[in-house]
Amino acid sequence: MLIESCPHAAWKSLGLKPLCSKRRARVSDLADAYAALNKLVPITCNRPPNHDQLQAIVSGLPGLAIAEHDIAAVRIVGNAPRREQGHWREGFIVLPLPPPGHDNWLRGMRWLN
């Protein structure tokens, strides 16, 4: 199975502030992002995740939900894939949704509609 996710869109889909670029991210930005994400999805790490690890974690949430057959935890957006001049173009992006009971996530979903 192959799914595509986008870290920037995943943060927004969860109603969280997207992580800034690696070059601009300070240690405090990473700590804040990790704390906010951890409030929605309890995550255990043996040390604070770096920028790439945080982006991978948030991007991987839809894959975990799909693997668990939890379709209520994802939202699929985008255009259906199509063949164009012998190549596949476009495609769906799968985004994580916060767990039930987190009503603040709706603010981050307006751009998806």
N, C-alpha and C. Protein backbone atom coordinates (compact mmCIF):
# COMPACT_ATOMS: atom_id res chain seq x y z
N MET A 1 0.84 -1.16 0.00
CA MET A 1 0.00 0.00 0.00
C MET A 1 0.90 1.23 0.00
N LEU A 2 0.49 2.25 -0.72
CA LEU A 2 1.24 3.49 -0.79
C LEU A 2 0.29 4.65 -0.53
N ILE A 3 0.65 5.49 0.42
CA ILE A 3 -0.12 6.71 0.67
C ILE A 3 0.85 7.87 0.73
N GLU A 4 0.35 9.05 0.42
CA GLU A 4 1.18 10.24 0.47
C GLU A 4 0.64 11.16 1.55
N SER A 5 1.55 11.74 2.29
CA SER A 5 1.20 12.71 3.32
C SER A 5 2.13 13.90 3.18
N CYS A 6 1.74 14.99 3.76
CA CYS A 6 2.53 16.22 3.70
C CYS A 6 2.63 16.78 5.11
N PRO A 7 3.84 16.93 5.65
CA PRO A 7 3.96 17.38 7.04
C PRO A 7 3.26 18.71 7.32
N HIS A 8 3.46 19.69 6.46
CA HIS A 8 2.85 21.01 6.69
C HIS A 8 1.32 20.88 6.78
N ALA A 9 0.74 20.15 5.84
CA ALA A 9 -0.70 19.95 5.84
C ALA A 9 -1.15 19.10 7.03
N ALA A 10 -0.33 18.15 7.44
CA ALA A 10 -0.68 17.30 8.58
C ALA A 10 -0.78 18.11 9.87
N TRP A 11 0.18 19.02 10.10
CA TRP A 11 0.10 19.88 11.29
C TRP A 11 -1.20 20.68 11.27
N LYS A 12 -1.51 21.27 10.12
CA LYS A 12 -2.71 22.09 10.00
C LYS A 12 -3.98 21.25 10.18
N SER A 13 -3.97 20.06 9.64
CA SER A 13 -5.12 19.18 9.75
C SER A 13 -5.41 18.83 11.21
N LEU A 14 -4.36 18.74 12.00
CA LEU A 14 -4.51 18.46 13.42
C LEU A 14 -4.88 19.70 14.23
N GLY A 15 -4.92 20.87 13.55
CA GLY A 15 -5.23 22.12 14.24
C GLY A 15 -4.04 22.70 14.97
N LEU A 16 -2.84 22.26 14.58
CA LEU A 16 -1.61 22.72 15.23
C LEU A 16 -0.83 23.63 14.28
N LYS A 17 -0.03 24.48 14.87
CA LYS A 17 0.82 25.36 14.08
C LYS A 17 1.86 24.52 13.35
N PRO A 18 1.96 24.67 12.03
CA PRO A 18 2.97 23.90 11.30
C PRO A 18 4.39 24.23 11.77
N LEU A 19 5.21 23.25 11.76
CA LEU A 19 6.61 23.42 12.14
C LEU A 19 7.30 24.29 11.08
N CYS A 20 8.07 25.26 11.53
CA CYS A 20 8.79 26.12 10.58
C CYS A 20 9.93 25.32 9.93
N SER A 21 10.56 25.92 8.95
CA SER A 21 11.63 25.23 8.23
C SER A 21 12.75 24.81 9.18
N LYS A 22 13.49 23.81 8.76
CA LYS A 22 14.58 23.32 9.61
C LYS A 22 15.59 24.41 9.91
N ARG A 23 15.86 25.23 8.93
CA ARG A 23 16.85 26.30 9.10
C ARG A 23 16.40 27.32 10.15
N ARG A 24 15.09 27.60 10.19
CA ARG A 24 14.57 28.61 11.11
C ARG A 24 14.14 28.05 12.46
N ALA A 25 14.01 26.74 12.57
CA ALA A 25 13.50 26.13 13.80
C ALA A 25 14.52 26.22 14.92
N ARG A 26 14.05 26.74 16.04
CA ARG A 26 14.87 26.77 17.26
C ARG A 26 14.51 25.56 18.11
N VAL A 27 15.33 25.27 19.07
CA VAL A 27 15.06 24.15 19.97
C VAL A 27 13.72 24.36 20.67
N SER A 28 13.41 25.60 21.02
CA SER A 28 12.13 25.88 21.68
C SER A 28 10.95 25.63 20.74
N ASP A 29 11.11 25.90 19.44
CA ASP A 29 10.04 25.60 18.48
C ASP A 29 9.77 24.11 18.41
N LEU A 30 10.84 23.32 18.40
CA LEU A 30 10.70 21.87 18.36
C LEU A 30 10.03 21.35 19.63
N ALA A 31 10.43 21.90 20.77
CA ALA A 31 9.84 21.48 22.05
C ALA A 31 8.36 21.84 22.09
N ASP A 32 8.01 23.03 21.63
CA ASP A 32 6.60 23.45 21.62
C ASP A 32 5.77 22.57 20.69
N ALA A 33 6.31 22.28 19.50
CA ALA A 33 5.59 21.45 18.54
C ALA A 33 5.40 20.03 19.08
N TYR A 34 6.45 19.50 19.69
CA TYR A 34 6.36 18.15 20.26
C TYR A 34 5.34 18.11 21.38
N ALA A 35 5.33 19.12 22.25
CA ALA A 35 4.37 19.17 23.35
C ALA A 35 2.94 19.26 22.83
N ALA A 36 2.71 20.10 21.82
CA ALA A 36 1.37 20.25 21.25
C ALA A 36 0.91 18.95 20.61
N LEU A 37 1.79 18.31 19.86
CA LEU A 37 1.44 17.04 19.22
C LEU A 37 1.17 15.97 20.26
N ASN A 38 1.97 15.96 21.30
CA ASN A 38 1.85 14.96 22.36
C ASN A 38 0.55 15.10 23.13
N LYS A 39 -0.04 16.30 23.16
CA LYS A 39 -1.35 16.47 23.80
C LYS A 39 -2.44 15.76 23.02
N LEU A 40 -2.30 15.72 21.71
CA LEU A 40 -3.30 15.04 20.86
C LEU A 40 -3.05 13.55 20.75
N VAL A 41 -1.79 13.20 20.56
CA VAL A 41 -1.41 11.81 20.34
C VAL A 41 -0.24 11.50 21.28
N PRO A 42 -0.49 10.74 22.34
CA PRO A 42 0.61 10.43 23.26
C PRO A 42 1.74 9.69 22.54
N ILE A 43 2.91 10.29 22.57
CA ILE A 43 4.07 9.74 21.88
C ILE A 43 5.19 9.58 22.91
N THR A 44 5.85 8.47 22.88
CA THR A 44 6.97 8.23 23.78
C THR A 44 8.25 8.15 22.96
N CYS A 45 9.19 9.00 23.29
CA CYS A 45 10.51 8.99 22.64
C CYS A 45 11.57 8.89 23.72
N ASN A 46 12.69 8.27 23.39
CA ASN A 46 13.76 8.17 24.38
C ASN A 46 14.54 9.48 24.51
N ARG A 47 14.33 10.40 23.57
CA ARG A 47 14.90 11.75 23.66
C ARG A 47 14.04 12.66 22.79
N PRO A 48 14.10 13.95 23.00
CA PRO A 48 13.26 14.85 22.20
C PRO A 48 13.56 14.68 20.71
N PRO A 49 12.51 14.58 19.89
CA PRO A 49 12.75 14.39 18.45
C PRO A 49 13.30 15.66 17.80
N ASN A 50 14.13 15.47 16.79
CA ASN A 50 14.65 16.61 16.03
C ASN A 50 13.62 17.01 14.97
N HIS A 51 13.96 17.98 14.16
CA HIS A 51 13.03 18.51 13.16
C HIS A 51 12.55 17.42 12.20
N ASP A 52 13.47 16.68 11.62
CA ASP A 52 13.10 15.63 10.67
C ASP A 52 12.24 14.56 11.33
N GLN A 53 12.57 14.20 12.55
CA GLN A 53 11.81 13.17 13.25
C GLN A 53 10.39 13.65 13.55
N LEU A 54 10.24 14.90 13.96
CA LEU A 54 8.90 15.43 14.20
C LEU A 54 8.07 15.44 12.92
N GLN A 55 8.68 15.86 11.82
CA GLN A 55 7.97 15.88 10.54
C GLN A 55 7.58 14.45 10.13
N ALA A 56 8.45 13.50 10.37
CA ALA A 56 8.15 12.11 10.04
C ALA A 56 7.04 11.55 10.92
N ILE A 57 7.05 11.91 12.19
CA ILE A 57 6.01 11.44 13.10
C ILE A 57 4.64 11.93 12.65
N VAL A 58 4.53 13.24 12.41
CA VAL A 58 3.22 13.80 12.05
C VAL A 58 2.78 13.30 10.68
N SER A 59 3.70 13.08 9.78
CA SER A 59 3.35 12.55 8.45
C SER A 59 2.99 11.08 8.49
N GLY A 60 3.51 10.37 9.46
CA GLY A 60 3.25 8.94 9.56
C GLY A 60 1.95 8.58 10.25
N LEU A 61 1.32 9.54 10.93
CA LEU A 61 0.09 9.24 11.65
C LEU A 61 -1.02 8.68 10.74
N PRO A 62 -1.23 9.23 9.54
CA PRO A 62 -2.27 8.64 8.68
C PRO A 62 -1.99 7.18 8.32
N GLY A 63 -0.74 6.86 8.09
CA GLY A 63 -0.39 5.47 7.77
C GLY A 63 -0.70 4.53 8.93
N LEU A 64 -0.42 4.98 10.15
CA LEU A 64 -0.74 4.15 11.31
C LEU A 64 -2.25 3.96 11.44
N ALA A 65 -3.01 5.03 11.21
CA ALA A 65 -4.47 4.94 11.30
C ALA A 65 -5.01 3.97 10.26
N ILE A 66 -4.51 4.06 9.05
CA ILE A 66 -4.97 3.17 7.98
C ILE A 66 -4.59 1.72 8.30
N ALA A 67 -3.39 1.52 8.81
CA ALA A 67 -2.96 0.16 9.17
C ALA A 67 -3.86 -0.44 10.25
N GLU A 68 -4.40 0.42 11.11
CA GLU A 68 -5.30 -0.03 12.18
C GLU A 68 -6.76 -0.02 11.73
N HIS A 69 -7.00 0.26 10.45
CA HIS A 69 -8.36 0.33 9.89
C HIS A 69 -9.21 1.39 10.59
N ASP A 70 -8.57 2.47 11.02
CA ASP A 70 -9.25 3.57 11.71
C ASP A 70 -9.46 4.72 10.72
N ILE A 71 -10.43 4.56 9.84
CA ILE A 71 -10.64 5.56 8.80
C ILE A 71 -11.20 6.86 9.35
N ALA A 72 -11.72 6.85 10.58
CA ALA A 72 -12.22 8.08 11.19
C ALA A 72 -11.06 8.98 11.62
N ALA A 73 -9.85 8.47 11.61
CA ALA A 73 -8.69 9.24 12.05
C ALA A 73 -7.95 9.90 10.90
N VAL A 74 -8.48 9.77 9.68
CA VAL A 74 -7.81 10.36 8.52
C VAL A 74 -8.81 11.11 7.65
N ARG A 75 -8.27 12.01 6.87
CA ARG A 75 -9.05 12.71 5.86
C ARG A 75 -8.26 12.64 4.56
N ILE A 76 -8.95 12.30 3.48
CA ILE A 76 -8.30 12.18 2.18
C ILE A 76 -8.69 13.40 1.35
N VAL A 77 -7.69 14.11 0.85
CA VAL A 77 -7.92 15.32 0.06
C VAL A 77 -7.15 15.23 -1.24
N GLY A 78 -7.46 16.12 -2.15
CA GLY A 78 -6.71 16.19 -3.41
C GLY A 78 -7.48 15.64 -4.57
N ASN A 79 -6.78 15.44 -5.65
CA ASN A 79 -7.37 14.95 -6.90
C ASN A 79 -7.01 13.49 -7.11
N ALA A 80 -7.92 12.80 -7.75
CA ALA A 80 -7.63 11.40 -8.07
C ALA A 80 -6.43 11.31 -9.00
N PRO A 81 -5.59 10.30 -8.82
CA PRO A 81 -4.45 10.16 -9.72
C PRO A 81 -4.91 9.90 -11.16
N ARG A 82 -4.12 10.39 -12.11
CA ARG A 82 -4.46 10.19 -13.53
C ARG A 82 -3.18 10.00 -14.32
N ARG A 83 -3.30 9.31 -15.42
CA ARG A 83 -2.14 9.13 -16.31
C ARG A 83 -2.11 10.29 -17.29
N GLU A 84 -0.94 10.84 -17.45
CA GLU A 84 -0.76 11.96 -18.38
C GLU A 84 0.57 11.76 -19.08
N GLN A 85 0.54 11.59 -20.38
CA GLN A 85 1.73 11.37 -21.19
C GLN A 85 2.59 10.23 -20.64
N GLY A 86 1.92 9.16 -20.22
CA GLY A 86 2.61 7.97 -19.76
C GLY A 86 3.10 8.03 -18.32
N HIS A 87 2.78 9.09 -17.59
CA HIS A 87 3.21 9.23 -16.20
C HIS A 87 1.99 9.48 -15.30
N TRP A 88 2.09 9.03 -14.08
CA TRP A 88 1.03 9.29 -13.11
C TRP A 88 1.17 10.71 -12.59
N ARG A 89 0.06 11.43 -12.50
CA ARG A 89 0.03 12.81 -12.01
C ARG A 89 -0.98 12.94 -10.88
N GLU A 90 -0.69 13.90 -10.03
CA GLU A 90 -1.57 14.22 -8.92
C GLU A 90 -1.75 13.03 -8.00
N GLY A 91 -2.78 13.05 -7.26
CA GLY A 91 -3.06 11.96 -6.34
C GLY A 91 -3.59 12.49 -5.03
N PHE A 92 -4.08 11.59 -4.25
CA PHE A 92 -4.65 11.96 -2.97
C PHE A 92 -3.55 12.15 -1.93
N ILE A 93 -3.84 12.99 -0.96
CA ILE A 93 -2.98 13.15 0.20
C ILE A 93 -3.82 12.75 1.40
N VAL A 94 -3.26 11.96 2.28
CA VAL A 94 -3.97 11.49 3.46
C VAL A 94 -3.45 12.26 4.66
N LEU A 95 -4.38 12.87 5.38
CA LEU A 95 -4.03 13.72 6.51
C LEU A 95 -4.57 13.13 7.81
N PRO A 96 -3.85 13.34 8.90
CA PRO A 96 -4.34 12.85 10.19
C PRO A 96 -5.42 13.78 10.74
N LEU A 97 -6.34 13.21 11.48
CA LEU A 97 -7.33 13.98 12.22
C LEU A 97 -7.09 13.75 13.70
N PRO A 98 -7.36 14.74 14.52
CA PRO A 98 -7.16 14.55 15.96
C PRO A 98 -8.17 13.57 16.53
N PRO A 99 -7.86 13.03 17.69
CA PRO A 99 -8.79 12.09 18.33
C PRO A 99 -10.11 12.78 18.68
N PRO A 100 -11.17 12.02 18.80
CA PRO A 100 -12.45 12.61 19.20
C PRO A 100 -12.32 13.36 20.52
N GLY A 101 -13.07 14.44 20.62
CA GLY A 101 -13.05 15.23 21.85
C GLY A 101 -12.13 16.43 21.79
N HIS A 102 -11.38 16.58 20.73
CA HIS A 102 -10.52 17.74 20.57
C HIS A 102 -11.19 18.70 19.60
N ASP A 103 -12.01 19.58 20.13
CA ASP A 103 -12.81 20.45 19.28
C ASP A 103 -12.01 21.59 18.65
N ASN A 104 -10.81 21.88 19.12
CA ASN A 104 -10.03 22.98 18.54
C ASN A 104 -9.49 22.66 17.15
N TRP A 105 -9.55 21.42 16.73
CA TRP A 105 -8.99 21.05 15.43
C TRP A 105 -9.79 21.61 14.27
N LEU A 106 -11.06 21.96 14.48
CA LEU A 106 -11.86 22.48 13.39
C LEU A 106 -11.30 23.77 12.82
N ARG A 107 -10.67 24.56 13.65
CA ARG A 107 -10.08 25.82 13.16
C ARG A 107 -9.05 25.55 12.08
N GLY A 108 -8.29 24.48 12.20
CA GLY A 108 -7.27 24.16 11.23
C GLY A 108 -7.79 23.49 9.96
N MET A 109 -9.07 23.13 9.94
CA MET A 109 -9.61 22.40 8.81
C MET A 109 -10.26 23.31 7.76
N ARG A 110 -10.47 24.57 8.06
CA ARG A 110 -11.17 25.46 7.11
C ARG A 110 -10.52 25.48 5.74
N TRP A 111 -9.21 25.45 5.67
CA TRP A 111 -8.52 25.54 4.40
C TRP A 111 -8.67 24.27 3.57
N LEU A 112 -9.09 23.18 4.19
CA LEU A 112 -9.23 21.92 3.47
C LEU A 112 -10.55 21.84 2.71
N ASN A 113 -11.54 22.58 3.13
CA ASN A 113 -12.86 22.49 2.53
C ASN A 113 -12.95 23.25 1.23
